Each structure stands twice: as C-alpha cells, then as structure tokens.
Amino acid sequence: MGIIWTIIIGAIVGALAKFIMPEKDGGGFVMTTLLGIGGSVVATFLGRMIGWYQEGEGAQFIASTLGAILILWIYRMIKGKKAASA
C-alpha cells in the first residue's frame, strides 16, 4: 500500500507544483506524478541532511511540494539552456 500512497501523493504534489509555477512543460500526468515523487525524495534527502527527519521518516506535504518546485525549476533551467544552444 505504501507505493500506491507515494504515487497518489506524488501526483497531488506534482500538480500543485505545476499550479504554482505554470508553464507548458509537456509530459502530462506521468511527468507530473514523477515530478511530485521526485520532489518528495529530494525533500526527504535534504530534510535528513538538515536534521528535520530521522531515518525512516518521509518528507511532509509542504516540503514535498517545495522539493517538486525545486525539481521543476531545475528542469526548466536545463531545458532552457538546451533550447538556447540549439
């Protein structure tokens, strides 16, 4: 059941990140879900480094959303550099 919740929360967090930073990125639902899951992973990793989360704890909803926004921003920066150099 854990993986299903991860996917559901990832979809919600990814959609929220795209709502906060609107732009045409493509990829649809799958990309949005992966963005949210990646945001949660990034937030968990950074939270453990800072000391917010212990081993076995995952990032909370707001931290996951911020992680997804960070990944979306990095993705757009890389995408923009590729478009500019082409």
PDB file of N, CA and C in Angstrom:
ATOM      1  N   MET A   1       0.816  -1.198   0.000  1.00  0.00           N
ATOM      2  CA  MET A   1       0.000   0.000   0.000  1.00  0.00           C
ATOM      3  C   MET A   1       0.858   1.260   0.000  1.00  0.00           C
ATOM      4  N   GLY A   2       2.093   1.173   0.503  1.00  0.00           N
ATOM      5  CA  GLY A   2       2.964   2.331   0.580  1.00  0.00           C
ATOM      6  C   GLY A   2       3.282   2.939  -0.780  1.00  0.00           C
ATOM      7  N   ILE A   3       3.530   2.094  -1.772  1.00  0.00           N
ATOM      8  CA  ILE A   3       3.870   2.609  -3.100  1.00  0.00           C
ATOM      9  C   ILE A   3       2.675   3.300  -3.749  1.00  0.00           C
ATOM     10  N   ILE A   4       1.473   2.806  -3.472  1.00  0.00           N
ATOM     11  CA  ILE A   4       0.272   3.429  -4.029  1.00  0.00           C
ATOM     12  C   ILE A   4       0.086   4.818  -3.436  1.00  0.00           C
ATOM     13  N   TRP A   5       0.281   4.950  -2.117  1.00  0.00           N
ATOM     14  CA  TRP A   5       0.182   6.267  -1.488  1.00  0.00           C
ATOM     15  C   TRP A   5       1.257   7.208  -2.007  1.00  0.00           C
ATOM     16  N   THR A   6       2.440   6.680  -2.243  1.00  0.00           N
ATOM     17  CA  THR A   6       3.523   7.501  -2.790  1.00  0.00           C
ATOM     18  C   THR A   6       3.126   8.064  -4.148  1.00  0.00           C
ATOM     19  N   ILE A   7       2.534   7.238  -4.981  1.00  0.00           N
ATOM     20  CA  ILE A   7       2.114   7.686  -6.316  1.00  0.00           C
ATOM     21  C   ILE A   7       0.984   8.705  -6.216  1.00  0.00           C
ATOM     22  N   ILE A   8       0.026   8.452  -5.329  1.00  0.00           N
ATOM     23  CA  ILE A   8      -1.103   9.384  -5.172  1.00  0.00           C
ATOM     24  C   ILE A   8      -0.613  10.734  -4.659  1.00  0.00           C
ATOM     25  N   ILE A   9       0.182  10.721  -3.608  1.00  0.00           N
ATOM     26  CA  ILE A   9       0.710  11.973  -3.059  1.00  0.00           C
ATOM     27  C   ILE A   9       1.624  12.650  -4.079  1.00  0.00           C
ATOM     28  N   GLY A  10       2.416  11.857  -4.808  1.00  0.00           N
ATOM     29  CA  GLY A  10       3.275  12.415  -5.848  1.00  0.00           C
ATOM     30  C   GLY A  10       2.488  13.142  -6.916  1.00  0.00           C
ATOM     31  N   ALA A  11       1.365  12.565  -7.322  1.00  0.00           N
ATOM     32  CA  ALA A  11       0.517  13.215  -8.332  1.00  0.00           C
ATOM     33  C   ALA A  11      -0.046  14.525  -7.808  1.00  0.00           C
ATOM     34  N   ILE A  12      -0.481  14.526  -6.559  1.00  0.00           N
ATOM     35  CA  ILE A  12      -1.043  15.745  -5.959  1.00  0.00           C
ATOM     36  C   ILE A  12       0.034  16.816  -5.820  1.00  0.00           C
ATOM     37  N   VAL A  13       1.193  16.425  -5.303  1.00  0.00           N
ATOM     38  CA  VAL A  13       2.289  17.379  -5.101  1.00  0.00           C
ATOM     39  C   VAL A  13       2.796  17.913  -6.441  1.00  0.00           C
ATOM     40  N   GLY A  14       2.930  17.045  -7.434  1.00  0.00           N
ATOM     41  CA  GLY A  14       3.370  17.482  -8.762  1.00  0.00           C
ATOM     42  C   GLY A  14       2.389  18.454  -9.394  1.00  0.00           C
ATOM     43  N   ALA A  15       1.096  18.165  -9.263  1.00  0.00           N
ATOM     44  CA  ALA A  15       0.078  19.069  -9.802  1.00  0.00           C
ATOM     45  C   ALA A  15       0.112  20.414  -9.089  1.00  0.00           C
ATOM     46  N   LEU A  16       0.325  20.389  -7.784  1.00  0.00           N
ATOM     47  CA  LEU A  16       0.409  21.633  -7.025  1.00  0.00           C
ATOM     48  C   LEU A  16       1.633  22.448  -7.442  1.00  0.00           C
ATOM     49  N   ALA A  17       2.757  21.780  -7.664  1.00  0.00           N
ATOM     50  CA  ALA A  17       3.970  22.476  -8.106  1.00  0.00           C
ATOM     51  C   ALA A  17       3.756  23.117  -9.479  1.00  0.00           C
ATOM     52  N   LYS A  18       3.091  22.398 -10.388  1.00  0.00           N
ATOM     53  CA  LYS A  18       2.820  22.970 -11.712  1.00  0.00           C
ATOM     54  C   LYS A  18       1.796  24.092 -11.633  1.00  0.00           C
ATOM     55  N   PHE A  19       0.886  24.025 -10.658  1.00  0.00           N
ATOM     56  CA  PHE A  19      -0.081  25.096 -10.461  1.00  0.00           C
ATOM     57  C   PHE A  19       0.620  26.351  -9.964  1.00  0.00           C
ATOM     58  N   ILE A  20       1.590  26.183  -9.070  1.00  0.00           N
ATOM     59  CA  ILE A  20       2.327  27.321  -8.520  1.00  0.00           C
ATOM     60  C   ILE A  20       3.256  27.923  -9.567  1.00  0.00           C
ATOM     61  N   MET A  21       3.847  27.080 -10.417  1.00  0.00           N
ATOM     62  CA  MET A  21       4.765  27.537 -11.470  1.00  0.00           C
ATOM     63  C   MET A  21       4.215  27.141 -12.837  1.00  0.00           C
ATOM     64  N   PRO A  22       3.154  27.797 -13.315  1.00  0.00           N
ATOM     65  CA  PRO A  22       2.532  27.377 -14.575  1.00  0.00           C
ATOM     66  C   PRO A  22       3.416  27.681 -15.789  1.00  0.00           C
ATOM     67  N   GLU A  23       3.443  26.747 -16.692  1.00  0.00           N
ATOM     68  CA  GLU A  23       4.142  26.880 -17.969  1.00  0.00           C
ATOM     69  C   GLU A  23       3.882  25.590 -18.736  1.00  0.00           C
ATOM     70  N   LYS A  24       3.966  25.636 -20.050  1.00  0.00           N
ATOM     71  CA  LYS A  24       3.793  24.422 -20.838  1.00  0.00           C
ATOM     72  C   LYS A  24       5.078  23.614 -20.793  1.00  0.00           C
ATOM     73  N   ASP A  25       5.033  22.491 -20.075  1.00  0.00           N
ATOM     74  CA  ASP A  25       6.198  21.621 -19.960  1.00  0.00           C
ATOM     75  C   ASP A  25       6.011  20.316 -20.719  1.00  0.00           C
ATOM     76  N   GLY A  26       4.795  19.942 -20.975  1.00  0.00           N
ATOM     77  CA  GLY A  26       4.542  18.658 -21.611  1.00  0.00           C
ATOM     78  C   GLY A  26       4.688  17.524 -20.616  1.00  0.00           C
ATOM     79  N   GLY A  27       4.471  16.314 -21.084  1.00  0.00           N
ATOM     80  CA  GLY A  27       4.641  15.145 -20.238  1.00  0.00           C
ATOM     81  C   GLY A  27       3.366  14.652 -19.606  1.00  0.00           C
ATOM     82  N   GLY A  28       2.397  15.521 -19.393  1.00  0.00           N
ATOM     83  CA  GLY A  28       1.115  15.120 -18.860  1.00  0.00           C
ATOM     84  C   GLY A  28       1.156  14.573 -17.441  1.00  0.00           C
ATOM     85  N   PHE A  29       0.221  13.665 -17.177  1.00  0.00           N
ATOM     86  CA  PHE A  29       0.023  13.118 -15.838  1.00  0.00           C
ATOM     87  C   PHE A  29       1.246  12.354 -15.338  1.00  0.00           C
ATOM     88  N   VAL A  30       1.863  11.578 -16.211  1.00  0.00           N
ATOM     89  CA  VAL A  30       3.022  10.773 -15.799  1.00  0.00           C
ATOM     90  C   VAL A  30       4.168  11.674 -15.351  1.00  0.00           C
ATOM     91  N   MET A  31       4.461  12.707 -16.134  1.00  0.00           N
ATOM     92  CA  MET A  31       5.543  13.624 -15.781  1.00  0.00           C
ATOM     93  C   MET A  31       5.218  14.376 -14.486  1.00  0.00           C
ATOM     94  N   THR A  32       3.962  14.769 -14.321  1.00  0.00           N
ATOM     95  CA  THR A  32       3.555  15.464 -13.108  1.00  0.00           C
ATOM     96  C   THR A  32       3.724  14.569 -11.883  1.00  0.00           C
ATOM     97  N   THR A  33       3.337  13.301 -12.009  1.00  0.00           N
ATOM     98  CA  THR A  33       3.475  12.353 -10.905  1.00  0.00           C
ATOM     99  C   THR A  33       4.938  12.115 -10.572  1.00  0.00           C
ATOM    100  N   LEU A  34       5.760  11.928 -11.584  1.00  0.00           N
ATOM    101  CA  LEU A  34       7.198  11.719 -11.359  1.00  0.00           C
ATOM    102  C   LEU A  34       7.828  12.953 -10.717  1.00  0.00           C
ATOM    103  N   LEU A  35       7.392  14.120 -11.134  1.00  0.00           N
ATOM    104  CA  LEU A  35       7.866  15.366 -10.546  1.00  0.00           C
ATOM    105  C   LEU A  35       7.546  15.408  -9.051  1.00  0.00           C
ATOM    106  N   GLY A  36       6.325  15.036  -8.694  1.00  0.00           N
ATOM    107  CA  GLY A  36       5.925  15.037  -7.295  1.00  0.00           C
ATOM    108  C   GLY A  36       6.671  14.006  -6.463  1.00  0.00           C
ATOM    109  N   ILE A  37       6.840  12.808  -7.010  1.00  0.00           N
ATOM    110  CA  ILE A  37       7.588  11.764  -6.306  1.00  0.00           C
ATOM    111  C   ILE A  37       9.037  12.190  -6.122  1.00  0.00           C
ATOM    112  N   GLY A  38       9.625  12.747  -7.187  1.00  0.00           N
ATOM    113  CA  GLY A  38      10.999  13.246  -7.094  1.00  0.00           C
ATOM    114  C   GLY A  38      11.124  14.362  -6.072  1.00  0.00           C
ATOM    115  N   GLY A  39      10.125  15.237  -6.010  1.00  0.00           N
ATOM    116  CA  GLY A  39      10.131  16.308  -5.028  1.00  0.00           C
ATOM    117  C   GLY A  39      10.107  15.784  -3.607  1.00  0.00           C
ATOM    118  N   SER A  40       9.344  14.744  -3.395  1.00  0.00           N
ATOM    119  CA  SER A  40       9.290  14.134  -2.071  1.00  0.00           C
ATOM    120  C   SER A  40      10.630  13.500  -1.702  1.00  0.00           C
ATOM    121  N   VAL A  41      11.259  12.840  -2.672  1.00  0.00           N
ATOM    122  CA  VAL A  41      12.568  12.222  -2.428  1.00  0.00           C
ATOM    123  C   VAL A  41      13.613  13.289  -2.110  1.00  0.00           C
ATOM    124  N   VAL A  42      13.615  14.371  -2.891  1.00  0.00           N
ATOM    125  CA  VAL A  42      14.567  15.457  -2.666  1.00  0.00           C
ATOM    126  C   VAL A  42      14.337  16.094  -1.300  1.00  0.00           C
ATOM    127  N   ALA A  43      13.078  16.348  -0.964  1.00  0.00           N
ATOM    128  CA  ALA A  43      12.768  16.965   0.324  1.00  0.00           C
ATOM    129  C   ALA A  43      13.152  16.055   1.487  1.00  0.00           C
ATOM    130  N   THR A  44      12.934  14.755   1.324  1.00  0.00           N
ATOM    131  CA  THR A  44      13.317  13.810   2.368  1.00  0.00           C
ATOM    132  C   THR A  44      14.829  13.799   2.548  1.00  0.00           C
ATOM    133  N   PHE A  45      15.565  13.748   1.438  1.00  0.00           N
ATOM    134  CA  PHE A  45      17.022  13.721   1.489  1.00  0.00           C
ATOM    135  C   PHE A  45      17.569  14.993   2.142  1.00  0.00           C
ATOM    136  N   LEU A  46      17.097  16.145   1.687  1.00  0.00           N
ATOM    137  CA  LEU A  46      17.567  17.408   2.257  1.00  0.00           C
ATOM    138  C   LEU A  46      17.148  17.540   3.722  1.00  0.00           C
ATOM    139  N   GLY A  47      15.939  17.105   4.042  1.00  0.00           N
ATOM    140  CA  GLY A  47      15.464  17.166   5.426  1.00  0.00           C
ATOM    141  C   GLY A  47      16.294  16.304   6.365  1.00  0.00           C
ATOM    142  N   ARG A  48      16.742  15.157   5.880  1.00  0.00           N
ATOM    143  CA  ARG A  48      17.599  14.305   6.709  1.00  0.00           C
ATOM    144  C   ARG A  48      18.979  14.926   6.881  1.00  0.00           C
ATOM    145  N   MET A  49      19.484  15.579   5.837  1.00  0.00           N
ATOM    146  CA  MET A  49      20.787  16.243   5.947  1.00  0.00           C
ATOM    147  C   MET A  49      20.732  17.376   6.974  1.00  0.00           C
ATOM    148  N   ILE A  50      19.644  18.121   6.972  1.00  0.00           N
ATOM    149  CA  ILE A  50      19.488  19.256   7.881  1.00  0.00           C
ATOM    150  C   ILE A  50      19.149  18.781   9.295  1.00  0.00           C
ATOM    151  N   GLY A  51      18.526  17.609   9.401  1.00  0.00           N
ATOM    152  CA  GLY A  51      18.147  17.093  10.703  1.00  0.00           C
ATOM    153  C   GLY A  51      16.658  17.186  10.999  1.00  0.00           C
ATOM    154  N   TRP A  52      15.837  17.538  10.002  1.00  0.00           N
ATOM    155  CA  TRP A  52      14.405  17.638  10.197  1.00  0.00           C
ATOM    156  C   TRP A  52      13.745  16.272  10.315  1.00  0.00           C
ATOM    157  N   TYR A  53      14.273  15.293   9.572  1.00  0.00           N
ATOM    158  CA  TYR A  53      13.668  13.962   9.537  1.00  0.00           C
ATOM    159  C   TYR A  53      14.690  12.928   9.981  1.00  0.00           C
ATOM    160  N   GLN A  54      14.195  11.911  10.668  1.00  0.00           N
ATOM    161  CA  GLN A  54      15.039  10.798  11.072  1.00  0.00           C
ATOM    162  C   GLN A  54      14.966   9.707  10.011  1.00  0.00           C
ATOM    163  N   GLU A  55      15.829   8.715  10.125  1.00  0.00           N
ATOM    164  CA  GLU A  55      15.813   7.579   9.219  1.00  0.00           C
ATOM    165  C   GLU A  55      14.441   6.904   9.290  1.00  0.00           C
ATOM    166  N   GLY A  56      13.859   6.645   8.131  1.00  0.00           N
ATOM    167  CA  GLY A  56      12.547   6.010   8.086  1.00  0.00           C
ATOM    168  C   GLY A  56      11.389   6.990   7.989  1.00  0.00           C
ATOM    169  N   GLU A  57      11.651   8.263   8.203  1.00  0.00           N
ATOM    170  CA  GLU A  57      10.613   9.284   8.068  1.00  0.00           C
ATOM    171  C   GLU A  57      10.681   9.899   6.683  1.00  0.00           C
ATOM    172  N   GLY A  58       9.539  10.192   6.127  1.00  0.00           N
ATOM    173  CA  GLY A  58       9.481  10.851   4.832  1.00  0.00           C
ATOM    174  C   GLY A  58       9.163  12.320   4.997  1.00  0.00           C
ATOM    175  N   ALA A  59       9.344  13.055   3.925  1.00  0.00           N
ATOM    176  CA  ALA A  59       9.056  14.487   3.945  1.00  0.00           C
ATOM    177  C   ALA A  59       7.558  14.725   4.070  1.00  0.00           C
ATOM    178  N   GLN A  60       7.203  15.810   4.681  1.00  0.00           N
ATOM    179  CA  GLN A  60       5.803  16.186   4.817  1.00  0.00           C
ATOM    180  C   GLN A  60       5.315  16.812   3.511  1.00  0.00           C
ATOM    181  N   PHE A  61       4.027  17.089   3.442  1.00  0.00           N
ATOM    182  CA  PHE A  61       3.398  17.551   2.212  1.00  0.00           C
ATOM    183  C   PHE A  61       4.000  18.858   1.699  1.00  0.00           C
ATOM    184  N   ILE A  62       4.167  19.827   2.576  1.00  0.00           N
ATOM    185  CA  ILE A  62       4.685  21.133   2.152  1.00  0.00           C
ATOM    186  C   ILE A  62       6.132  21.007   1.677  1.00  0.00           C
ATOM    187  N   ALA A  63       6.939  20.246   2.408  1.00  0.00           N
ATOM    188  CA  ALA A  63       8.332  20.041   1.999  1.00  0.00           C
ATOM    189  C   ALA A  63       8.397  19.307   0.667  1.00  0.00           C
ATOM    190  N   SER A  64       7.515  18.343   0.463  1.00  0.00           N
ATOM    191  CA  SER A  64       7.479  17.620  -0.807  1.00  0.00           C
ATOM    192  C   SER A  64       7.111  18.557  -1.951  1.00  0.00           C
ATOM    193  N   THR A  65       6.178  19.463  -1.703  1.00  0.00           N
ATOM    194  CA  THR A  65       5.791  20.442  -2.720  1.00  0.00           C
ATOM    195  C   THR A  65       6.959  21.355  -3.052  1.00  0.00           C
ATOM    196  N   LEU A  66       7.678  21.813  -2.033  1.00  0.00           N
ATOM    197  CA  LEU A  66       8.851  22.656  -2.277  1.00  0.00           C
ATOM    198  C   LEU A  66       9.925  21.887  -3.048  1.00  0.00           C
ATOM    199  N   GLY A  67      10.106  20.612  -2.734  1.00  0.00           N
ATOM    200  CA  GLY A  67      11.044  19.780  -3.482  1.00  0.00           C
ATOM    201  C   GLY A  67      10.639  19.632  -4.933  1.00  0.00           C
ATOM    202  N   ALA A  68       9.337  19.465  -5.184  1.00  0.00           N
ATOM    203  CA  ALA A  68       8.847  19.358  -6.560  1.00  0.00           C
ATOM    204  C   ALA A  68       9.041  20.669  -7.312  1.00  0.00           C
ATOM    205  N   ILE A  69       8.832  21.790  -6.638  1.00  0.00           N
ATOM    206  CA  ILE A  69       9.066  23.095  -7.268  1.00  0.00           C
ATOM    207  C   ILE A  69      10.542  23.250  -7.615  1.00  0.00           C
ATOM    208  N   LEU A  70      11.424  22.815  -6.729  1.00  0.00           N
ATOM    209  CA  LEU A  70      12.860  22.866  -6.992  1.00  0.00           C
ATOM    210  C   LEU A  70      13.220  22.026  -8.220  1.00  0.00           C
ATOM    211  N   ILE A  71      12.697  20.809  -8.293  1.00  0.00           N
ATOM    212  CA  ILE A  71      12.979  19.951  -9.445  1.00  0.00           C
ATOM    213  C   ILE A  71      12.424  20.563 -10.723  1.00  0.00           C
ATOM    214  N   LEU A  72      11.221  21.131 -10.667  1.00  0.00           N
ATOM    215  CA  LEU A  72      10.627  21.768 -11.842  1.00  0.00           C
ATOM    216  C   LEU A  72      11.469  22.955 -12.292  1.00  0.00           C
ATOM    217  N   TRP A  73      11.964  23.739 -11.358  1.00  0.00           N
ATOM    218  CA  TRP A  73      12.805  24.890 -11.690  1.00  0.00           C
ATOM    219  C   TRP A  73      14.103  24.426 -12.360  1.00  0.00           C
ATOM    220  N   ILE A  74      14.740  23.405 -11.789  1.00  0.00           N
ATOM    221  CA  ILE A  74      15.976  22.870 -12.373  1.00  0.00           C
ATOM    222  C   ILE A  74      15.708  22.313 -13.766  1.00  0.00           C
ATOM    223  N   TYR A  75      14.610  21.585 -13.928  1.00  0.00           N
ATOM    224  CA  TYR A  75      14.238  21.037 -15.231  1.00  0.00           C
ATOM    225  C   TYR A  75      14.076  22.147 -16.269  1.00  0.00           C
ATOM    226  N   ARG A  76      13.409  23.216 -15.886  1.00  0.00           N
ATOM    227  CA  ARG A  76      13.196  24.325 -16.832  1.00  0.00           C
ATOM    228  C   ARG A  76      14.498  25.050 -17.157  1.00  0.00           C
ATOM    229  N   MET A  77      15.399  25.151 -16.172  1.00  0.00           N
ATOM    230  CA  MET A  77      16.693  25.783 -16.448  1.00  0.00           C
ATOM    231  C   MET A  77      17.500  24.947 -17.443  1.00  0.00           C
ATOM    232  N   ILE A  78      17.517  23.644 -17.255  1.00  0.00           N
ATOM    233  CA  ILE A  78      18.253  22.756 -18.174  1.00  0.00           C
ATOM    234  C   ILE A  78      17.600  22.766 -19.552  1.00  0.00           C
ATOM    235  N   LYS A  79      16.283  22.701 -19.569  1.00  0.00           N
ATOM    236  CA  LYS A  79      15.535  22.711 -20.835  1.00  0.00           C
ATOM    237  C   LYS A  79      15.783  24.025 -21.588  1.00  0.00           C
ATOM    238  N   GLY A  80      15.823  25.139 -20.856  1.00  0.00           N
ATOM    239  CA  GLY A  80      16.053  26.435 -21.475  1.00  0.00           C
ATOM    240  C   GLY A  80      17.444  26.556 -22.059  1.00  0.00           C
ATOM    241  N   LYS A  81      18.456  25.981 -21.386  1.00  0.00           N
ATOM    242  CA  LYS A  81      19.820  26.036 -21.899  1.00  0.00           C
ATOM    243  C   LYS A  81      19.964  25.191 -23.152  1.00  0.00           C
ATOM    244  N   LYS A  82      19.291  24.057 -23.217  1.00  0.00           N
ATOM    245  CA  LYS A  82      19.345  23.209 -24.409  1.00  0.00           C
ATOM    246  C   LYS A  82      18.684  23.901 -25.580  1.00  0.00           C
ATOM    247  N   ALA A  83      17.571  24.583 -25.338  1.00  0.00           N
ATOM    248  CA  ALA A  83      16.864  25.289 -26.406  1.00  0.00           C
ATOM    249  C   ALA A  83      17.691  26.470 -26.911  1.00  0.00           C
ATOM    250  N   ALA A  84      18.382  27.146 -26.001  1.00  0.00           N
ATOM    251  CA  ALA A  84      19.189  28.309 -26.385  1.00  0.00           C
ATOM    252  C   ALA A  84      20.422  27.898 -27.199  1.00  0.00           C
ATOM    253  N   SER A  85      20.986  26.723 -26.900  1.00  0.00           N
ATOM    254  CA  SER A  85      22.197  26.300 -27.601  1.00  0.00           C
ATOM    255  C   SER A  85      21.884  25.614 -28.926  1.00  0.00           C
ATOM    256  N   ALA A  86      20.637  25.240 -29.152  1.00  0.00           N
ATOM    257  CA  ALA A  86      20.274  24.532 -30.395  1.00  0.00           C
ATOM    258  C   ALA A  86      20.069  25.476 -31.539  1.00  0.00           C
TER     259      ALA A  86
END
